[in-house]
PDB file of all heavy atoms in Angstrom:
ATOM      1  N   ASP A   1       4.410  10.560   0.817  1.00  0.00           N
ATOM      2  CA  ASP A   1       3.133  10.007   1.022  1.00  0.00           C
ATOM      3  C   ASP A   1       3.201   8.886   2.189  1.00  0.00           C
ATOM      4  O   ASP A   1       2.202   8.140   2.361  1.00  0.00           O
ATOM      5  CB  ASP A   1       2.462   9.447  -0.271  1.00  0.00           C
ATOM      6  CG  ASP A   1       2.130  10.419  -1.205  1.00  0.00           C
ATOM      7  OD1 ASP A   1       1.866  11.629  -0.950  1.00  0.00           O
ATOM      8  OD2 ASP A   1       2.467  10.107  -2.426  1.00  0.00           O
ATOM      9  N   ARG A   2       4.281   8.752   2.790  1.00  0.00           N
ATOM     10  CA  ARG A   2       4.614   7.706   3.752  1.00  0.00           C
ATOM     11  C   ARG A   2       4.221   8.316   5.282  1.00  0.00           C
ATOM     12  O   ARG A   2       5.053   8.525   6.036  1.00  0.00           O
ATOM     13  CB  ARG A   2       5.834   7.229   3.793  1.00  0.00           C
ATOM     14  CG  ARG A   2       6.154   6.412   2.514  1.00  0.00           C
ATOM     15  CD  ARG A   2       7.656   5.954   2.579  1.00  0.00           C
ATOM     16  NE  ARG A   2       8.071   5.262   1.342  1.00  0.00           N
ATOM     17  CZ  ARG A   2       9.341   4.908   1.032  1.00  0.00           C
ATOM     18  NH1 ARG A   2      10.246   5.125   1.875  1.00  0.00           N
ATOM     19  NH2 ARG A   2       9.581   4.374  -0.159  1.00  0.00           N
ATOM     20  N   PHE A   3       2.967   8.589   5.448  1.00  0.00           N
ATOM     21  CA  PHE A   3       2.619   9.093   6.850  1.00  0.00           C
ATOM     22  C   PHE A   3       1.624   8.427   7.670  1.00  0.00           C
ATOM     23  O   PHE A   3       1.003   8.993   8.631  1.00  0.00           O
ATOM     24  CB  PHE A   3       2.172  10.659   6.601  1.00  0.00           C
ATOM     25  CG  PHE A   3       1.043  10.903   5.710  1.00  0.00           C
ATOM     26  CD1 PHE A   3      -0.281  10.597   5.969  1.00  0.00           C
ATOM     27  CD2 PHE A   3       1.449  11.288   4.392  1.00  0.00           C
ATOM     28  CE1 PHE A   3      -1.232  10.909   4.910  1.00  0.00           C
ATOM     29  CE2 PHE A   3       0.466  11.499   3.281  1.00  0.00           C
ATOM     30  CZ  PHE A   3      -0.969  11.344   3.749  1.00  0.00           C
ATOM     31  N   THR A   4       1.395   7.125   7.130  1.00  0.00           N
ATOM     32  CA  THR A   4       0.475   6.304   7.900  1.00  0.00           C
ATOM     33  C   THR A   4       1.282   5.170   8.550  1.00  0.00           C
ATOM     34  O   THR A   4       2.324   4.951   8.374  1.00  0.00           O
ATOM     35  CB  THR A   4      -0.698   5.740   7.158  1.00  0.00           C
ATOM     36  OG1 THR A   4      -0.223   4.936   6.112  1.00  0.00           O
ATOM     37  CG2 THR A   4      -1.582   6.812   6.434  1.00  0.00           C
ATOM     38  N   ASN A   5       0.498   4.400   9.471  1.00  0.00           N
ATOM     39  CA  ASN A   5       1.230   3.208  10.046  1.00  0.00           C
ATOM     40  C   ASN A   5       0.919   1.928   9.350  1.00  0.00           C
ATOM     41  O   ASN A   5      -0.258   1.809   8.797  1.00  0.00           O
ATOM     42  CB  ASN A   5       0.767   3.200  11.590  1.00  0.00           C
ATOM     43  CG  ASN A   5       1.334   4.356  12.419  1.00  0.00           C
ATOM     44  OD1 ASN A   5       2.440   4.986  11.838  1.00  0.00           O
ATOM     45  ND2 ASN A   5       0.803   4.631  13.507  1.00  0.00           N
ATOM     46  N   THR A   6       1.763   0.917   9.439  1.00  0.00           N
ATOM     47  CA  THR A   6       1.474  -0.325   8.961  1.00  0.00           C
ATOM     48  C   THR A   6       0.371  -1.025   9.905  1.00  0.00           C
ATOM     49  O   THR A   6       0.200  -0.566  10.980  1.00  0.00           O
ATOM     50  CB  THR A   6       2.721  -1.246   9.007  1.00  0.00           C
ATOM     51  OG1 THR A   6       3.090  -1.643  10.347  1.00  0.00           O
ATOM     52  CG2 THR A   6       3.870  -0.525   8.189  1.00  0.00           C
ATOM     53  N   PRO A   7      -0.141  -2.158   9.350  1.00  0.00           N
ATOM     54  CA  PRO A   7      -1.104  -2.810  10.269  1.00  0.00           C
ATOM     55  C   PRO A   7      -0.506  -3.239  11.771  1.00  0.00           C
ATOM     56  O   PRO A   7      -1.187  -3.409  12.692  1.00  0.00           O
ATOM     57  CB  PRO A   7      -1.396  -4.204   9.564  1.00  0.00           C
ATOM     58  CG  PRO A   7      -1.280  -3.779   8.004  1.00  0.00           C
ATOM     59  CD  PRO A   7      -0.055  -2.752   8.140  1.00  0.00           C
ATOM     60  N   ASP A   8       0.906  -3.355  11.852  1.00  0.00           N
ATOM     61  CA  ASP A   8       1.492  -3.631  12.984  1.00  0.00           C
ATOM     62  C   ASP A   8       1.873  -2.392  13.715  1.00  0.00           C
ATOM     63  O   ASP A   8       2.494  -2.566  14.915  1.00  0.00           O
ATOM     64  CB  ASP A   8       2.886  -4.481  12.703  1.00  0.00           C
ATOM     65  CG  ASP A   8       2.589  -5.765  12.052  1.00  0.00           C
ATOM     66  OD1 ASP A   8       1.574  -6.286  12.262  1.00  0.00           O
ATOM     67  OD2 ASP A   8       3.537  -6.187  11.364  1.00  0.00           O
ATOM     68  N   GLY A   9       1.521  -1.278  13.244  1.00  0.00           N
ATOM     69  CA  GLY A   9       1.753   0.023  13.975  1.00  0.00           C
ATOM     70  C   GLY A   9       2.991   0.632  13.758  1.00  0.00           C
ATOM     71  O   GLY A   9       3.377   1.604  14.208  1.00  0.00           O
ATOM     72  N   GLU A  10       3.890   0.158  12.637  1.00  0.00           N
ATOM     73  CA  GLU A  10       5.155   0.718  12.357  1.00  0.00           C
ATOM     74  C   GLU A  10       4.845   1.910  11.502  1.00  0.00           C
ATOM     75  O   GLU A  10       3.975   1.860  10.531  1.00  0.00           O
ATOM     76  CB  GLU A  10       6.003  -0.278  11.666  1.00  0.00           C
ATOM     77  CG  GLU A  10       7.392   0.266  11.307  1.00  0.00           C
ATOM     78  CD  GLU A  10       8.231  -0.780  10.635  1.00  0.00           C
ATOM     79  OE1 GLU A  10       7.844  -1.940  10.464  1.00  0.00           O
ATOM     80  OE2 GLU A  10       9.475  -0.400  10.409  1.00  0.00           O
ATOM     81  N   PRO A  11       5.478   3.130  11.843  1.00  0.00           N
ATOM     82  CA  PRO A  11       5.251   4.279  11.058  1.00  0.00           C
ATOM     83  C   PRO A  11       5.937   4.129   9.481  1.00  0.00           C
ATOM     84  O   PRO A  11       6.902   3.359   9.345  1.00  0.00           O
ATOM     85  CB  PRO A  11       5.891   5.491  11.786  1.00  0.00           C
ATOM     86  CG  PRO A  11       6.927   4.859  12.687  1.00  0.00           C
ATOM     87  CD  PRO A  11       6.361   3.345  12.850  1.00  0.00           C
ATOM     88  N   GLY A  12       5.533   5.116   8.607  1.00  0.00           N
ATOM     89  CA  GLY A  12       6.275   5.054   7.355  1.00  0.00           C
ATOM     90  C   GLY A  12       5.521   4.468   6.277  1.00  0.00           C
ATOM     91  O   GLY A  12       6.124   4.256   5.173  1.00  0.00           O
ATOM     92  N   LEU A  13       4.291   4.058   6.398  1.00  0.00           N
ATOM     93  CA  LEU A  13       3.506   3.371   5.389  1.00  0.00           C
ATOM     94  C   LEU A  13       2.927   4.278   4.424  1.00  0.00           C
ATOM     95  O   LEU A  13       2.412   5.422   4.953  1.00  0.00           O
ATOM     96  CB  LEU A  13       2.429   2.442   5.813  1.00  0.00           C
ATOM     97  CG  LEU A  13       1.671   1.676   4.853  1.00  0.00           C
ATOM     98  CD1 LEU A  13       2.524   0.643   4.191  1.00  0.00           C
ATOM     99  CD2 LEU A  13       0.515   1.022   5.457  1.00  0.00           C
ATOM    100  N   ASN A  14       3.108   4.219   3.060  1.00  0.00           N
ATOM    101  CA  ASN A  14       2.464   5.095   2.152  1.00  0.00           C
ATOM    102  C   ASN A  14       0.881   4.971   2.317  1.00  0.00           C
ATOM    103  O   ASN A  14       0.332   3.832   2.250  1.00  0.00           O
ATOM    104  CB  ASN A  14       2.899   4.606   0.707  1.00  0.00           C
ATOM    105  CG  ASN A  14       2.383   5.776  -0.230  1.00  0.00           C
ATOM    106  OD1 ASN A  14       1.396   6.140  -0.362  1.00  0.00           O
ATOM    107  ND2 ASN A  14       3.357   6.012  -1.042  1.00  0.00           N
ATOM    108  N   TYR A  15       0.348   6.086   2.409  1.00  0.00           N
ATOM    109  CA  TYR A  15      -1.275   6.049   2.572  1.00  0.00           C
ATOM    110  C   TYR A  15      -2.042   5.494   1.408  1.00  0.00           C
ATOM    111  O   TYR A  15      -3.215   4.966   1.422  1.00  0.00           O
ATOM    112  CB  TYR A  15      -1.751   7.377   2.937  1.00  0.00           C
ATOM    113  CG  TYR A  15      -2.062   8.329   1.734  1.00  0.00           C
ATOM    114  CD1 TYR A  15      -3.300   8.576   1.155  1.00  0.00           C
ATOM    115  CD2 TYR A  15      -0.939   9.044   1.159  1.00  0.00           C
ATOM    116  CE1 TYR A  15      -3.543   9.374   0.138  1.00  0.00           C
ATOM    117  CE2 TYR A  15      -1.191   9.910   0.085  1.00  0.00           C
ATOM    118  CZ  TYR A  15      -2.310  10.152  -0.329  1.00  0.00           C
ATOM    119  OH  TYR A  15      -2.592  10.946  -1.485  1.00  0.00           O
ATOM    120  N   LEU A  16      -1.314   5.371   0.187  1.00  0.00           N
ATOM    121  CA  LEU A  16      -1.843   4.808  -0.989  1.00  0.00           C
ATOM    122  C   LEU A  16      -1.521   3.307  -1.155  1.00  0.00           C
ATOM    123  O   LEU A  16      -1.915   2.626  -1.974  1.00  0.00           O
ATOM    124  CB  LEU A  16      -1.351   5.471  -2.136  1.00  0.00           C
ATOM    125  CG  LEU A  16      -1.659   7.010  -2.200  1.00  0.00           C
ATOM    126  CD1 LEU A  16      -0.756   7.516  -3.486  1.00  0.00           C
ATOM    127  CD2 LEU A  16      -3.213   7.159  -2.508  1.00  0.00           C
ATOM    128  N   CYS A  17      -1.031   2.723   0.059  1.00  0.00           N
ATOM    129  CA  CYS A  17      -0.556   1.242  -0.140  1.00  0.00           C
ATOM    130  C   CYS A  17      -1.801   0.332  -0.339  1.00  0.00           C
ATOM    131  O   CYS A  17      -1.616  -0.380  -1.266  1.00  0.00           O
ATOM    132  CB  CYS A  17       0.009   0.870   1.203  1.00  0.00           C
ATOM    133  SG  CYS A  17       0.386  -0.892   1.318  1.00  0.00           S
ATOM    134  N   PRO A  18      -2.972   0.418   0.168  1.00  0.00           N
ATOM    135  CA  PRO A  18      -3.898  -0.482  -0.230  1.00  0.00           C
ATOM    136  C   PRO A  18      -4.379  -0.388  -1.689  1.00  0.00           C
ATOM    137  O   PRO A  18      -4.595  -1.381  -2.364  1.00  0.00           O
ATOM    138  CB  PRO A  18      -5.116  -0.119   0.732  1.00  0.00           C
ATOM    139  CG  PRO A  18      -4.540   0.548   1.902  1.00  0.00           C
ATOM    140  CD  PRO A  18      -3.333   1.234   1.370  1.00  0.00           C
ATOM    141  N   SER A  19      -4.371   0.870  -2.212  1.00  0.00           N
ATOM    142  CA  SER A  19      -4.656   1.091  -3.639  1.00  0.00           C
ATOM    143  C   SER A  19      -3.551   0.558  -4.456  1.00  0.00           C
ATOM    144  O   SER A  19      -3.807   0.020  -5.596  1.00  0.00           O
ATOM    145  CB  SER A  19      -4.933   2.570  -3.831  1.00  0.00           C
ATOM    146  OG  SER A  19      -6.021   3.042  -3.054  1.00  0.00           O
ATOM    147  N   PHE A  20      -2.429   0.867  -4.226  1.00  0.00           N
ATOM    148  CA  PHE A  20      -1.242   0.284  -4.878  1.00  0.00           C
ATOM    149  C   PHE A  20      -1.248  -1.247  -5.014  1.00  0.00           C
ATOM    150  O   PHE A  20      -1.122  -1.806  -6.067  1.00  0.00           O
ATOM    151  CB  PHE A  20       0.175   0.691  -4.291  1.00  0.00           C
ATOM    152  CG  PHE A  20       0.582   2.169  -4.579  1.00  0.00           C
ATOM    153  CD1 PHE A  20       1.288   2.810  -3.751  1.00  0.00           C
ATOM    154  CD2 PHE A  20       0.081   2.761  -5.784  1.00  0.00           C
ATOM    155  CE1 PHE A  20       1.760   4.036  -4.010  1.00  0.00           C
ATOM    156  CE2 PHE A  20       0.510   4.213  -5.972  1.00  0.00           C
ATOM    157  CZ  PHE A  20       1.350   4.752  -5.070  1.00  0.00           C
ATOM    158  N   LYS A  21      -1.472  -1.948  -3.862  1.00  0.00           N
ATOM    159  CA  LYS A  21      -1.486  -3.383  -3.884  1.00  0.00           C
ATOM    160  C   LYS A  21      -2.773  -3.795  -4.833  1.00  0.00           C
ATOM    161  O   LYS A  21      -2.465  -4.758  -5.483  1.00  0.00           O
ATOM    162  CB  LYS A  21      -1.858  -3.907  -2.462  1.00  0.00           C
ATOM    163  CG  LYS A  21      -0.601  -3.866  -1.742  1.00  0.00           C
ATOM    164  CD  LYS A  21      -0.841  -4.695  -0.351  1.00  0.00           C
ATOM    165  CE  LYS A  21       0.462  -4.976   0.387  1.00  0.00           C
ATOM    166  NZ  LYS A  21       0.248  -5.868   1.489  1.00  0.00           N
ATOM    167  N   ARG A  22      -3.850  -3.225  -4.719  1.00  0.00           N
ATOM    168  CA  ARG A  22      -4.915  -3.691  -5.514  1.00  0.00           C
ATOM    169  C   ARG A  22      -4.669  -3.484  -6.932  1.00  0.00           C
ATOM    170  O   ARG A  22      -4.987  -4.294  -7.785  1.00  0.00           O
ATOM    171  CB  ARG A  22      -6.218  -2.774  -5.041  1.00  0.00           C
ATOM    172  CG  ARG A  22      -7.505  -3.284  -5.817  1.00  0.00           C
ATOM    173  CD  ARG A  22      -8.619  -2.630  -5.099  1.00  0.00           C
ATOM    174  NE  ARG A  22      -9.909  -3.263  -5.816  1.00  0.00           N
ATOM    175  CZ  ARG A  22     -11.061  -2.742  -5.684  1.00  0.00           C
ATOM    176  NH1 ARG A  22     -11.160  -1.737  -4.842  1.00  0.00           N
ATOM    177  NH2 ARG A  22     -12.008  -3.392  -6.298  1.00  0.00           N
ATOM    178  N   PHE A  23      -4.107  -2.410  -7.263  1.00  0.00           N
ATOM    179  CA  PHE A  23      -3.768  -2.055  -8.696  1.00  0.00           C
ATOM    180  C   PHE A  23      -2.689  -3.022  -9.215  1.00  0.00           C
ATOM    181  O   PHE A  23      -2.989  -3.649 -10.226  1.00  0.00           O
ATOM    182  CB  PHE A  23      -3.215  -0.566  -8.954  1.00  0.00           C
ATOM    183  CG  PHE A  23      -2.574  -0.357 -10.181  1.00  0.00           C
ATOM    184  CD1 PHE A  23      -3.439  -0.117 -11.381  1.00  0.00           C
ATOM    185  CD2 PHE A  23      -1.171  -0.377 -10.417  1.00  0.00           C
ATOM    186  CE1 PHE A  23      -2.951   0.034 -12.564  1.00  0.00           C
ATOM    187  CE2 PHE A  23      -0.713  -0.210 -11.721  1.00  0.00           C
ATOM    188  CZ  PHE A  23      -1.526   0.115 -12.687  1.00  0.00           C
ATOM    189  N   PHE A  24      -1.632  -3.276  -8.431  1.00  0.00           N
ATOM    190  CA  PHE A  24      -0.603  -4.148  -8.975  1.00  0.00           C
ATOM    191  C   PHE A  24      -0.997  -5.602  -9.087  1.00  0.00           C
ATOM    192  O   PHE A  24      -0.613  -6.322 -10.049  1.00  0.00           O
ATOM    193  CB  PHE A  24       0.657  -3.930  -8.086  1.00  0.00           C
ATOM    194  CG  PHE A  24       1.389  -2.607  -8.319  1.00  0.00           C
ATOM    195  CD1 PHE A  24       1.624  -1.791  -7.240  1.00  0.00           C
ATOM    196  CD2 PHE A  24       1.756  -2.240  -9.653  1.00  0.00           C
ATOM    197  CE1 PHE A  24       2.278  -0.595  -7.488  1.00  0.00           C
ATOM    198  CE2 PHE A  24       2.450  -1.033  -9.803  1.00  0.00           C
ATOM    199  CZ  PHE A  24       2.669  -0.250  -8.796  1.00  0.00           C
ATOM    200  N   HIS A  25      -1.946  -5.904  -8.257  1.00  0.00           N
ATOM    201  CA  HIS A  25      -2.600  -7.356  -8.391  1.00  0.00           C
ATOM    202  C   HIS A  25      -3.418  -7.479  -9.504  1.00  0.00           C
ATOM    203  O   HIS A  25      -3.525  -8.379 -10.259  1.00  0.00           O
ATOM    204  CB  HIS A  25      -3.212  -7.806  -7.104  1.00  0.00           C
ATOM    205  CG  HIS A  25      -2.219  -8.227  -6.048  1.00  0.00           C
ATOM    206  ND1 HIS A  25      -2.076  -7.525  -4.829  1.00  0.00           N
ATOM    207  CD2 HIS A  25      -1.445  -9.288  -5.928  1.00  0.00           C
ATOM    208  CE1 HIS A  25      -1.229  -8.120  -4.091  1.00  0.00           C
ATOM    209  NE2 HIS A  25      -0.701  -9.065  -4.576  1.00  0.00           N
ATOM    210  N   HIS A  26      -4.154  -6.307  -9.760  1.00  0.00           N
ATOM    211  CA  HIS A  26      -5.155  -6.260 -10.850  1.00  0.00           C
ATOM    212  C   HIS A  26      -4.356  -6.415 -12.275  1.00  0.00           C
ATOM    213  O   HIS A  26      -5.069  -7.021 -13.040  1.00  0.00           O
ATOM    214  CB  HIS A  26      -5.958  -4.990 -10.759  1.00  0.00           C
ATOM    215  CG  HIS A  26      -6.980  -4.992 -11.840  1.00  0.00           C
ATOM    216  ND1 HIS A  26      -8.206  -5.660 -11.920  1.00  0.00           N
ATOM    217  CD2 HIS A  26      -6.977  -4.120 -12.956  1.00  0.00           C
ATOM    218  CE1 HIS A  26      -8.893  -5.296 -12.899  1.00  0.00           C
ATOM    219  NE2 HIS A  26      -8.145  -4.326 -13.627  1.00  0.00           N
ATOM    220  N   VAL A  27      -3.350  -5.757 -12.324  1.00  0.00           N
ATOM    221  CA  VAL A  27      -2.663  -5.784 -13.582  1.00  0.00           C
ATOM    222  C   VAL A  27      -1.567  -6.922 -13.726  1.00  0.00           C
ATOM    223  O   VAL A  27      -0.805  -7.057 -14.713  1.00  0.00           O
ATOM    224  CB  VAL A  27      -1.832  -4.377 -13.860  1.00  0.00           C
ATOM    225  CG1 VAL A  27      -2.889  -3.289 -13.939  1.00  0.00           C
ATOM    226  CG2 VAL A  27      -0.874  -4.105 -12.926  1.00  0.00           C
ATOM    227  N   GLN A  28      -1.587  -7.675 -12.770  1.00  0.00           N
ATOM    228  CA  GLN A  28      -0.495  -8.910 -12.794  1.00  0.00           C
ATOM    229  C   GLN A  28      -0.512  -9.685 -14.016  1.00  0.00           C
ATOM    230  O   GLN A  28       0.408  -9.935 -14.694  1.00  0.00           O
ATOM    231  CB  GLN A  28      -0.709  -9.615 -11.526  1.00  0.00           C
ATOM    232  CG  GLN A  28       0.392 -10.666 -11.288  1.00  0.00           C
ATOM    233  CD  GLN A  28       0.161 -11.486  -9.971  1.00  0.00           C
ATOM    234  OE1 GLN A  28      -0.534 -10.843  -9.053  1.00  0.00           O
ATOM    235  NE2 GLN A  28       0.701 -12.569  -9.800  1.00  0.00           N
ATOM    236  N   GLU A  29      -1.694 -10.175 -14.366  1.00  0.00           N
ATOM    237  CA  GLU A  29      -1.796 -11.050 -15.642  1.00  0.00           C
ATOM    238  C   GLU A  29      -1.315 -10.249 -16.936  1.00  0.00           C
ATOM    239  O   GLU A  29      -0.421 -10.702 -17.700  1.00  0.00           O
ATOM    240  CB  GLU A  29      -3.110 -11.607 -15.806  1.00  0.00           C
ATOM    241  CG  GLU A  29      -3.176 -12.540 -17.070  1.00  0.00           C
ATOM    242  CD  GLU A  29      -4.600 -13.039 -17.413  1.00  0.00           C
ATOM    243  OE1 GLU A  29      -5.533 -12.675 -16.604  1.00  0.00           O
ATOM    244  OE2 GLU A  29      -4.655 -13.789 -18.357  1.00  0.00           O
ATOM    245  N   PRO A  30      -1.785  -9.040 -17.222  1.00  0.00           N
ATOM    246  CA  PRO A  30      -1.385  -8.446 -18.438  1.00  0.00           C
ATOM    247  C   PRO A  30       0.166  -8.005 -18.362  1.00  0.00           C
ATOM    248  O   PRO A  30       0.792  -8.107 -19.538  1.00  0.00           O
ATOM    249  CB  PRO A  30      -2.345  -7.154 -18.542  1.00  0.00           C
ATOM    250  CG  PRO A  30      -2.946  -7.069 -17.322  1.00  0.00           C
ATOM    251  CD  PRO A  30      -2.929  -8.358 -16.631  1.00  0.00           C
TER     252      PRO A  30
END
C-alpha cells in the first residue's frame, strides 16, 4: 500500500497513512 508520496514528495508513503494516524491518535487514551 506504499504507493503515494509524502508531503515532501518522497515516494513510498502508505496511502492509508492519514487514516492510520487518525485511528492511532483516536485510540491513544484507551
